[in-house]
Amino acid sequence: MAGFLNRPTLLIAIDDGPAAIAEGLAHALQQLDRDLLLFIDVGGDVLAHGDEPGLRSPLCDAIMLAAAARLAAAGTPVLLGIFGVAAMPS
């Protein structure tokens, strides 16, 4: 992706949890001289309760949302976007 966009790109592993992710992203924000972190969820799973039929990736979404919340609480500008919200069966 970095080569395609010709821009610095970050890969995030969720293994160490939200605190480590938030710390790493705060560092990257500073190193890249940026002033906003944009979190994009594809499909809208990040809004789920966790028990919806067809839910695909609630753990990763929850961990990244927790990292975003930590950053926002520390004063870092954070924006959450959702691309292609999926219809939830009733």
PDB file of N, CA and C in Angstrom:
ATOM      1  N   MET A   1       0.826  -1.185   0.000  1.00  0.00           N
ATOM      2  CA  MET A   1       0.000   0.000   0.000  1.00  0.00           C
ATOM      3  C   MET A   1       0.872   1.252   0.000  1.00  0.00           C
ATOM      4  N   ALA A   2       1.979   1.203   0.750  1.00  0.00           N
ATOM      5  CA  ALA A   2       2.868   2.365   0.799  1.00  0.00           C
ATOM      6  C   ALA A   2       3.405   2.692  -0.594  1.00  0.00           C
ATOM      7  N   GLY A   3       3.770   1.663  -1.351  1.00  0.00           N
ATOM      8  CA  GLY A   3       4.269   1.885  -2.700  1.00  0.00           C
ATOM      9  C   GLY A   3       3.198   2.388  -3.633  1.00  0.00           C
ATOM     10  N   PHE A   4       1.992   1.860  -3.498  1.00  0.00           N
ATOM     11  CA  PHE A   4       0.866   2.277  -4.335  1.00  0.00           C
ATOM     12  C   PHE A   4       0.516   3.744  -4.092  1.00  0.00           C
ATOM     13  N   LEU A   5       0.474   4.125  -2.828  1.00  0.00           N
ATOM     14  CA  LEU A   5       0.114   5.501  -2.473  1.00  0.00           C
ATOM     15  C   LEU A   5       1.304   6.456  -2.513  1.00  0.00           C
ATOM     16  N   ASN A   6       2.518   5.870  -2.512  1.00  0.00           N
ATOM     17  CA  ASN A   6       3.740   6.659  -2.432  1.00  0.00           C
ATOM     18  C   ASN A   6       3.733   7.541  -1.178  1.00  0.00           C
ATOM     19  N   ARG A   7       3.281   6.952  -0.075  1.00  0.00           N
ATOM     20  CA  ARG A   7       3.181   7.652   1.211  1.00  0.00           C
ATOM     21  C   ARG A   7       3.553   6.667   2.321  1.00  0.00           C
ATOM     22  N   PRO A   8       4.019   7.192   3.456  1.00  0.00           N
ATOM     23  CA  PRO A   8       4.266   6.306   4.601  1.00  0.00           C
ATOM     24  C   PRO A   8       2.983   5.584   5.009  1.00  0.00           C
ATOM     25  N   THR A   9       3.115   4.312   5.328  1.00  0.00           N
ATOM     26  CA  THR A   9       1.967   3.485   5.695  1.00  0.00           C
ATOM     27  C   THR A   9       2.299   2.718   6.960  1.00  0.00           C
ATOM     28  N   LEU A  10       1.340   2.604   7.856  1.00  0.00           N
ATOM     29  CA  LEU A  10       1.531   1.860   9.091  1.00  0.00           C
ATOM     30  C   LEU A  10       0.777   0.548   9.049  1.00  0.00           C
ATOM     31  N   LEU A  11       1.396  -0.481   9.576  1.00  0.00           N
ATOM     32  CA  LEU A  11       0.720  -1.753   9.798  1.00  0.00           C
ATOM     33  C   LEU A  11       0.587  -1.917  11.304  1.00  0.00           C
ATOM     34  N   ILE A  12      -0.587  -2.317  11.752  1.00  0.00           N
ATOM     35  CA  ILE A  12      -0.840  -2.412  13.187  1.00  0.00           C
ATOM     36  C   ILE A  12      -1.173  -3.850  13.555  1.00  0.00           C
ATOM     37  N   ALA A  13      -0.448  -4.381  14.528  1.00  0.00           N
ATOM     38  CA  ALA A  13      -0.755  -5.688  15.104  1.00  0.00           C
ATOM     39  C   ALA A  13      -1.459  -5.436  16.435  1.00  0.00           C
ATOM     40  N   ILE A  14      -2.551  -6.153  16.680  1.00  0.00           N
ATOM     41  CA  ILE A  14      -3.341  -5.894  17.884  1.00  0.00           C
ATOM     42  C   ILE A  14      -2.903  -6.731  19.078  1.00  0.00           C
ATOM     43  N   ASP A  15      -1.875  -7.538  18.926  1.00  0.00           N
ATOM     44  CA  ASP A  15      -1.454  -8.496  19.943  1.00  0.00           C
ATOM     45  C   ASP A  15      -1.194  -7.892  21.323  1.00  0.00           C
ATOM     46  N   ASP A  16      -0.648  -6.689  21.379  1.00  0.00           N
ATOM     47  CA  ASP A  16      -0.278  -6.083  22.660  1.00  0.00           C
ATOM     48  C   ASP A  16      -1.376  -5.213  23.268  1.00  0.00           C
ATOM     49  N   GLY A  17      -2.526  -5.121  22.606  1.00  0.00           N
ATOM     50  CA  GLY A  17      -3.673  -4.439  23.178  1.00  0.00           C
ATOM     51  C   GLY A  17      -3.760  -2.956  22.890  1.00  0.00           C
ATOM     52  N   PRO A  18      -4.872  -2.352  23.341  1.00  0.00           N
ATOM     53  CA  PRO A  18      -5.172  -0.956  23.028  1.00  0.00           C
ATOM     54  C   PRO A  18      -4.155   0.054  23.541  1.00  0.00           C
ATOM     55  N   ALA A  19      -3.598  -0.156  24.719  1.00  0.00           N
ATOM     56  CA  ALA A  19      -2.643   0.813  25.268  1.00  0.00           C
ATOM     57  C   ALA A  19      -1.393   0.888  24.391  1.00  0.00           C
ATOM     58  N   ALA A  20      -0.870  -0.263  23.993  1.00  0.00           N
ATOM     59  CA  ALA A  20       0.325  -0.280  23.144  1.00  0.00           C
ATOM     60  C   ALA A  20       0.025   0.294  21.764  1.00  0.00           C
ATOM     61  N   ILE A  21      -1.144  -0.012  21.237  1.00  0.00           N
ATOM     62  CA  ILE A  21      -1.529   0.537  19.932  1.00  0.00           C
ATOM     63  C   ILE A  21      -1.628   2.054  20.022  1.00  0.00           C
ATOM     64  N   ALA A  22      -2.293   2.557  21.048  1.00  0.00           N
ATOM     65  CA  ALA A  22      -2.439   4.005  21.218  1.00  0.00           C
ATOM     66  C   ALA A  22      -1.076   4.670  21.344  1.00  0.00           C
ATOM     67  N   GLU A  23      -0.192   4.081  22.109  1.00  0.00           N
ATOM     68  CA  GLU A  23       1.152   4.644  22.268  1.00  0.00           C
ATOM     69  C   GLU A  23       1.891   4.677  20.935  1.00  0.00           C
ATOM     70  N   GLY A  24       1.822   3.588  20.194  1.00  0.00           N
ATOM     71  CA  GLY A  24       2.487   3.531  18.893  1.00  0.00           C
ATOM     72  C   GLY A  24       1.913   4.522  17.899  1.00  0.00           C
ATOM     73  N   LEU A  25       0.593   4.649  17.891  1.00  0.00           N
ATOM     74  CA  LEU A  25      -0.034   5.599  16.971  1.00  0.00           C
ATOM     75  C   LEU A  25       0.273   7.042  17.351  1.00  0.00           C
ATOM     76  N   ALA A  26       0.329   7.331  18.638  1.00  0.00           N
ATOM     77  CA  ALA A  26       0.693   8.682  19.074  1.00  0.00           C
ATOM     78  C   ALA A  26       2.115   9.018  18.620  1.00  0.00           C
ATOM     79  N   HIS A  27       3.003   8.033  18.732  1.00  0.00           N
ATOM     80  CA  HIS A  27       4.383   8.227  18.282  1.00  0.00           C
ATOM     81  C   HIS A  27       4.427   8.444  16.767  1.00  0.00           C
ATOM     82  N   ALA A  28       3.689   7.632  16.028  1.00  0.00           N
ATOM     83  CA  ALA A  28       3.666   7.766  14.568  1.00  0.00           C
ATOM     84  C   ALA A  28       3.100   9.120  14.156  1.00  0.00           C
ATOM     85  N   LEU A  29       2.062   9.562  14.838  1.00  0.00           N
ATOM     86  CA  LEU A  29       1.457  10.860  14.543  1.00  0.00           C
ATOM     87  C   LEU A  29       2.493  11.971  14.671  1.00  0.00           C
ATOM     88  N   GLN A  30       3.291  11.893  15.728  1.00  0.00           N
ATOM     89  CA  GLN A  30       4.332  12.887  15.957  1.00  0.00           C
ATOM     90  C   GLN A  30       5.430  12.777  14.893  1.00  0.00           C
ATOM     91  N   GLN A  31       5.885  11.568  14.626  1.00  0.00           N
ATOM     92  CA  GLN A  31       6.973  11.368  13.660  1.00  0.00           C
ATOM     93  C   GLN A  31       6.577  11.772  12.246  1.00  0.00           C
ATOM     94  N   LEU A  32       5.310  11.564  11.901  1.00  0.00           N
ATOM     95  CA  LEU A  32       4.838  11.894  10.560  1.00  0.00           C
ATOM     96  C   LEU A  32       4.314  13.327  10.461  1.00  0.00           C
ATOM     97  N   ASP A  33       4.401  14.048  11.582  1.00  0.00           N
ATOM     98  CA  ASP A  33       3.956  15.444  11.641  1.00  0.00           C
ATOM     99  C   ASP A  33       2.514  15.600  11.167  1.00  0.00           C
ATOM    100  N   ARG A  34       1.629  14.794  11.776  1.00  0.00           N
ATOM    101  CA  ARG A  34       0.201  14.837  11.458  1.00  0.00           C
ATOM    102  C   ARG A  34      -0.565  15.292  12.685  1.00  0.00           C
ATOM    103  N   ASP A  35      -1.798  15.765  12.463  1.00  0.00           N
ATOM    104  CA  ASP A  35      -2.573  16.295  13.585  1.00  0.00           C
ATOM    105  C   ASP A  35      -3.928  15.614  13.769  1.00  0.00           C
ATOM    106  N   LEU A  36      -4.191  14.525  13.055  1.00  0.00           N
ATOM    107  CA  LEU A  36      -5.458  13.811  13.172  1.00  0.00           C
ATOM    108  C   LEU A  36      -5.245  12.341  12.858  1.00  0.00           C
ATOM    109  N   LEU A  37      -5.879  11.483  13.645  1.00  0.00           N
ATOM    110  CA  LEU A  37      -5.888  10.055  13.336  1.00  0.00           C
ATOM    111  C   LEU A  37      -7.290   9.684  12.878  1.00  0.00           C
ATOM    112  N   LEU A  38      -7.364   9.054  11.728  1.00  0.00           N
ATOM    113  CA  LEU A  38      -8.633   8.643  11.152  1.00  0.00           C
ATOM    114  C   LEU A  38      -8.719   7.124  11.219  1.00  0.00           C
ATOM    115  N   PHE A  39      -9.733   6.637  11.895  1.00  0.00           N
ATOM    116  CA  PHE A  39      -9.990   5.204  11.993  1.00  0.00           C
ATOM    117  C   PHE A  39     -11.159   4.884  11.068  1.00  0.00           C
ATOM    118  N   ILE A  40     -10.980   3.961  10.131  1.00  0.00           N
ATOM    119  CA  ILE A  40     -12.040   3.580   9.200  1.00  0.00           C
ATOM    120  C   ILE A  40     -12.394   2.116   9.427  1.00  0.00           C
ATOM    121  N   ASP A  41     -13.682   1.865   9.618  1.00  0.00           N
ATOM    122  CA  ASP A  41     -14.189   0.498   9.736  1.00  0.00           C
ATOM    123  C   ASP A  41     -14.985   0.189   8.477  1.00  0.00           C
ATOM    124  N   VAL A  42     -14.719  -0.951   7.886  1.00  0.00           N
ATOM    125  CA  VAL A  42     -15.457  -1.375   6.701  1.00  0.00           C
ATOM    126  C   VAL A  42     -16.573  -2.310   7.146  1.00  0.00           C
ATOM    127  N   GLY A  43     -17.790  -1.928   6.864  1.00  0.00           N
ATOM    128  CA  GLY A  43     -18.941  -2.768   7.176  1.00  0.00           C
ATOM    129  C   GLY A  43     -19.706  -2.364   8.412  1.00  0.00           C
ATOM    130  N   GLY A  44     -19.100  -1.644   9.310  1.00  0.00           N
ATOM    131  CA  GLY A  44     -19.808  -1.174  10.492  1.00  0.00           C
ATOM    132  C   GLY A  44     -19.767  -2.095  11.691  1.00  0.00           C
ATOM    133  N   ASP A  45     -18.938  -3.142  11.651  1.00  0.00           N
ATOM    134  CA  ASP A  45     -18.840  -4.057  12.798  1.00  0.00           C
ATOM    135  C   ASP A  45     -18.469  -3.343  14.090  1.00  0.00           C
ATOM    136  N   VAL A  46     -17.756  -2.234  13.981  1.00  0.00           N
ATOM    137  CA  VAL A  46     -17.316  -1.502  15.164  1.00  0.00           C
ATOM    138  C   VAL A  46     -18.508  -0.994  15.985  1.00  0.00           C
ATOM    139  N   LEU A  47     -19.678  -0.873  15.363  1.00  0.00           N
ATOM    140  CA  LEU A  47     -20.881  -0.416  16.052  1.00  0.00           C
ATOM    141  C   LEU A  47     -21.684  -1.560  16.671  1.00  0.00           C
ATOM    142  N   ALA A  48     -21.251  -2.786  16.444  1.00  0.00           N
ATOM    143  CA  ALA A  48     -22.022  -3.959  16.870  1.00  0.00           C
ATOM    144  C   ALA A  48     -21.957  -4.172  18.378  1.00  0.00           C
ATOM    145  N   HIS A  49     -22.905  -4.933  18.878  1.00  0.00           N
ATOM    146  CA  HIS A  49     -22.921  -5.335  20.288  1.00  0.00           C
ATOM    147  C   HIS A  49     -22.019  -6.550  20.510  1.00  0.00           C
ATOM    148  N   GLY A  50     -21.846  -7.361  19.470  1.00  0.00           N
ATOM    149  CA  GLY A  50     -20.972  -8.525  19.574  1.00  0.00           C
ATOM    150  C   GLY A  50     -21.655  -9.848  19.323  1.00  0.00           C
ATOM    151  N   ASP A  51     -22.986  -9.863  19.357  1.00  0.00           N
ATOM    152  CA  ASP A  51     -23.688 -11.137  19.177  1.00  0.00           C
ATOM    153  C   ASP A  51     -24.576 -11.151  17.925  1.00  0.00           C
ATOM    154  N   GLU A  52     -24.394 -10.188  17.033  1.00  0.00           N
ATOM    155  CA  GLU A  52     -25.214 -10.115  15.840  1.00  0.00           C
ATOM    156  C   GLU A  52     -24.859 -11.222  14.851  1.00  0.00           C
ATOM    157  N   PRO A  53     -25.887 -11.788  14.172  1.00  0.00           N
ATOM    158  CA  PRO A  53     -25.610 -12.791  13.133  1.00  0.00           C
ATOM    159  C   PRO A  53     -24.767 -12.181  12.017  1.00  0.00           C
ATOM    160  N   GLY A  54     -23.785 -12.908  11.548  1.00  0.00           N
ATOM    161  CA  GLY A  54     -22.952 -12.444  10.449  1.00  0.00           C
ATOM    162  C   GLY A  54     -21.815 -11.533  10.858  1.00  0.00           C
ATOM    163  N   LEU A  55     -21.678 -11.259  12.135  1.00  0.00           N
ATOM    164  CA  LEU A  55     -20.593 -10.402  12.614  1.00  0.00           C
ATOM    165  C   LEU A  55     -19.265 -11.080  12.322  1.00  0.00           C
ATOM    166  N   ARG A  56     -18.318 -10.345  11.718  1.00  0.00           N
ATOM    167  CA  ARG A  56     -17.088 -10.958  11.239  1.00  0.00           C
ATOM    168  C   ARG A  56     -15.861 -10.717  12.116  1.00  0.00           C
ATOM    169  N   SER A  57     -15.660  -9.484  12.569  1.00  0.00           N
ATOM    170  CA  SER A  57     -14.384  -9.176  13.208  1.00  0.00           C
ATOM    171  C   SER A  57     -14.550  -8.294  14.440  1.00  0.00           C
ATOM    172  N   PRO A  58     -15.367  -8.691  15.405  1.00  0.00           N
ATOM    173  CA  PRO A  58     -15.608  -7.790  16.535  1.00  0.00           C
ATOM    174  C   PRO A  58     -14.394  -7.569  17.435  1.00  0.00           C
ATOM    175  N   LEU A  59     -13.511  -8.548  17.567  1.00  0.00           N
ATOM    176  CA  LEU A  59     -12.368  -8.391  18.467  1.00  0.00           C
ATOM    177  C   LEU A  59     -11.422  -7.302  17.974  1.00  0.00           C
ATOM    178  N   CYS A  60     -11.016  -7.378  16.740  1.00  0.00           N
ATOM    179  CA  CYS A  60     -10.099  -6.371  16.187  1.00  0.00           C
ATOM    180  C   CYS A  60     -10.742  -4.989  16.233  1.00  0.00           C
ATOM    181  N   ASP A  61     -12.002  -4.914  15.859  1.00  0.00           N
ATOM    182  CA  ASP A  61     -12.701  -3.623  15.876  1.00  0.00           C
ATOM    183  C   ASP A  61     -12.761  -3.055  17.286  1.00  0.00           C
ATOM    184  N   ALA A  62     -13.060  -3.895  18.257  1.00  0.00           N
ATOM    185  CA  ALA A  62     -13.167  -3.436  19.648  1.00  0.00           C
ATOM    186  C   ALA A  62     -11.816  -2.949  20.173  1.00  0.00           C
ATOM    187  N   ILE A  63     -10.755  -3.654  19.842  1.00  0.00           N
ATOM    188  CA  ILE A  63      -9.419  -3.257  20.297  1.00  0.00           C
ATOM    189  C   ILE A  63      -9.010  -1.928  19.665  1.00  0.00           C
ATOM    190  N   MET A  64      -9.262  -1.770  18.380  1.00  0.00           N
ATOM    191  CA  MET A  64      -8.906  -0.508  17.715  1.00  0.00           C
ATOM    192  C   MET A  64      -9.767   0.646  18.222  1.00  0.00           C
ATOM    193  N   LEU A  65     -11.042   0.383  18.497  1.00  0.00           N
ATOM    194  CA  LEU A  65     -11.904   1.429  19.053  1.00  0.00           C
ATOM    195  C   LEU A  65     -11.416   1.833  20.445  1.00  0.00           C
ATOM    196  N   ALA A  66     -10.974   0.857  21.234  1.00  0.00           N
ATOM    197  CA  ALA A  66     -10.432   1.166  22.559  1.00  0.00           C
ATOM    198  C   ALA A  66      -9.155   1.995  22.445  1.00  0.00           C
ATOM    199  N   ALA A  67      -8.316   1.685  21.468  1.00  0.00           N
ATOM    200  CA  ALA A  67      -7.104   2.487  21.248  1.00  0.00           C
ATOM    201  C   ALA A  67      -7.477   3.907  20.846  1.00  0.00           C
ATOM    202  N   ALA A  68      -8.472   4.058  19.967  1.00  0.00           N
ATOM    203  CA  ALA A  68      -8.923   5.388  19.552  1.00  0.00           C
ATOM    204  C   ALA A  68      -9.461   6.170  20.750  1.00  0.00           C
ATOM    205  N   ALA A  69     -10.210   5.491  21.617  1.00  0.00           N
ATOM    206  CA  ALA A  69     -10.756   6.151  22.815  1.00  0.00           C
ATOM    207  C   ALA A  69      -9.641   6.621  23.737  1.00  0.00           C
ATOM    208  N   ARG A  70      -8.596   5.810  23.898  1.00  0.00           N
ATOM    209  CA  ARG A  70      -7.444   6.203  24.728  1.00  0.00           C
ATOM    210  C   ARG A  70      -6.772   7.445  24.155  1.00  0.00           C
ATOM    211  N   LEU A  71      -6.585   7.450  22.852  1.00  0.00           N
ATOM    212  CA  LEU A  71      -5.960   8.602  22.200  1.00  0.00           C
ATOM    213  C   LEU A  71      -6.810   9.854  22.376  1.00  0.00           C
ATOM    214  N   ALA A  72      -8.107   9.727  22.159  1.00  0.00           N
ATOM    215  CA  ALA A  72      -9.010  10.871  22.305  1.00  0.00           C
ATOM    216  C   ALA A  72      -8.995  11.386  23.742  1.00  0.00           C
ATOM    217  N   ALA A  73      -8.988  10.482  24.710  1.00  0.00           N
ATOM    218  CA  ALA A  73      -8.958  10.883  26.122  1.00  0.00           C
ATOM    219  C   ALA A  73      -7.674  11.622  26.468  1.00  0.00           C
ATOM    220  N   ALA A  74      -6.594  11.311  25.738  1.00  0.00           N
ATOM    221  CA  ALA A  74      -5.313  11.979  25.969  1.00  0.00           C
ATOM    222  C   ALA A  74      -5.190  13.282  25.188  1.00  0.00           C
ATOM    223  N   GLY A  75      -6.249  13.636  24.449  1.00  0.00           N
ATOM    224  CA  GLY A  75      -6.236  14.905  23.728  1.00  0.00           C
ATOM    225  C   GLY A  75      -5.837  14.822  22.267  1.00  0.00           C
ATOM    226  N   THR A  76      -5.639  13.627  21.746  1.00  0.00           N
ATOM    227  CA  THR A  76      -5.290  13.462  20.339  1.00  0.00           C
ATOM    228  C   THR A  76      -6.564  13.544  19.498  1.00  0.00           C
ATOM    229  N   PRO A  77      -6.576  14.364  18.464  1.00  0.00           N
ATOM    230  CA  PRO A  77      -7.748  14.413  17.592  1.00  0.00           C
ATOM    231  C   PRO A  77      -7.933  13.076  16.858  1.00  0.00           C
ATOM    232  N   VAL A  78      -9.108  12.490  17.022  1.00  0.00           N
ATOM    233  CA  VAL A  78      -9.419  11.183  16.449  1.00  0.00           C
ATOM    234  C   VAL A  78     -10.775  11.275  15.763  1.00  0.00           C
ATOM    235  N   LEU A  79     -10.889  10.641  14.609  1.00  0.00           N
ATOM    236  CA  LEU A  79     -12.151  10.589  13.884  1.00  0.00           C
ATOM    237  C   LEU A  79     -12.404   9.149  13.464  1.00  0.00           C
ATOM    238  N   LEU A  80     -13.616   8.658  13.720  1.00  0.00           N
ATOM    239  CA  LEU A  80     -14.006   7.311  13.314  1.00  0.00           C
ATOM    240  C   LEU A  80     -14.936   7.423  12.127  1.00  0.00           C
ATOM    241  N   GLY A  81     -14.607   6.719  11.054  1.00  0.00           N
ATOM    242  CA  GLY A  81     -15.464   6.673   9.876  1.00  0.00           C
ATOM    243  C   GLY A  81     -15.892   5.250   9.609  1.00  0.00           C
ATOM    244  N   ILE A  82     -17.045   5.109   8.996  1.00  0.00           N
ATOM    245  CA  ILE A  82     -17.551   3.784   8.643  1.00  0.00           C
ATOM    246  C   ILE A  82     -17.847   3.782   7.156  1.00  0.00           C
ATOM    247  N   PHE A  83     -17.284   2.806   6.476  1.00  0.00           N
ATOM    248  CA  PHE A  83     -17.431   2.686   5.030  1.00  0.00           C
ATOM    249  C   PHE A  83     -18.311   1.487   4.724  1.00  0.00           C
ATOM    250  N   GLY A  84     -19.375   1.711   3.985  1.00  0.00           N
ATOM    251  CA  GLY A  84     -20.217   0.598   3.550  1.00  0.00           C
ATOM    252  C   GLY A  84     -20.913  -0.107   4.677  1.00  0.00           C
ATOM    253  N   VAL A  85     -21.727   0.615   5.436  1.00  0.00           N
ATOM    254  CA  VAL A  85     -22.434   0.009   6.557  1.00  0.00           C
ATOM    255  C   VAL A  85     -23.292  -1.134   6.055  1.00  0.00           C
ATOM    256  N   ALA A  86     -23.120  -2.297   6.647  1.00  0.00           N
ATOM    257  CA  ALA A  86     -23.875  -3.482   6.274  1.00  0.00           C
ATOM    258  C   ALA A  86     -25.256  -3.457   6.908  1.00  0.00           C
ATOM    259  N   ALA A  87     -26.225  -4.006   6.222  1.00  0.00           N
ATOM    260  CA  ALA A  87     -27.573  -4.127   6.781  1.00  0.00           C
ATOM    261  C   ALA A  87     -27.585  -5.260   7.781  1.00  0.00           C
ATOM    262  N   MET A  88     -28.137  -5.002   8.943  1.00  0.00           N
ATOM    263  CA  MET A  88     -28.225  -6.027   9.978  1.00  0.00           C
ATOM    264  C   MET A  88     -29.597  -6.687   9.907  1.00  0.00           C
ATOM    265  N   PRO A  89     -29.638  -8.004   9.876  1.00  0.00           N
ATOM    266  CA  PRO A  89     -30.939  -8.670   9.862  1.00  0.00           C
ATOM    267  C   PRO A  89     -31.706  -8.413  11.141  1.00  0.00           C
ATOM    268  N   SER A  90     -33.017  -8.314  11.046  1.00  0.00           N
ATOM    269  CA  SER A  90     -33.806  -8.056  12.248  1.00  0.00           C
ATOM    270  C   SER A  90     -34.266  -9.321  12.913  1.00  0.00           C
TER     271      SER A  90
END
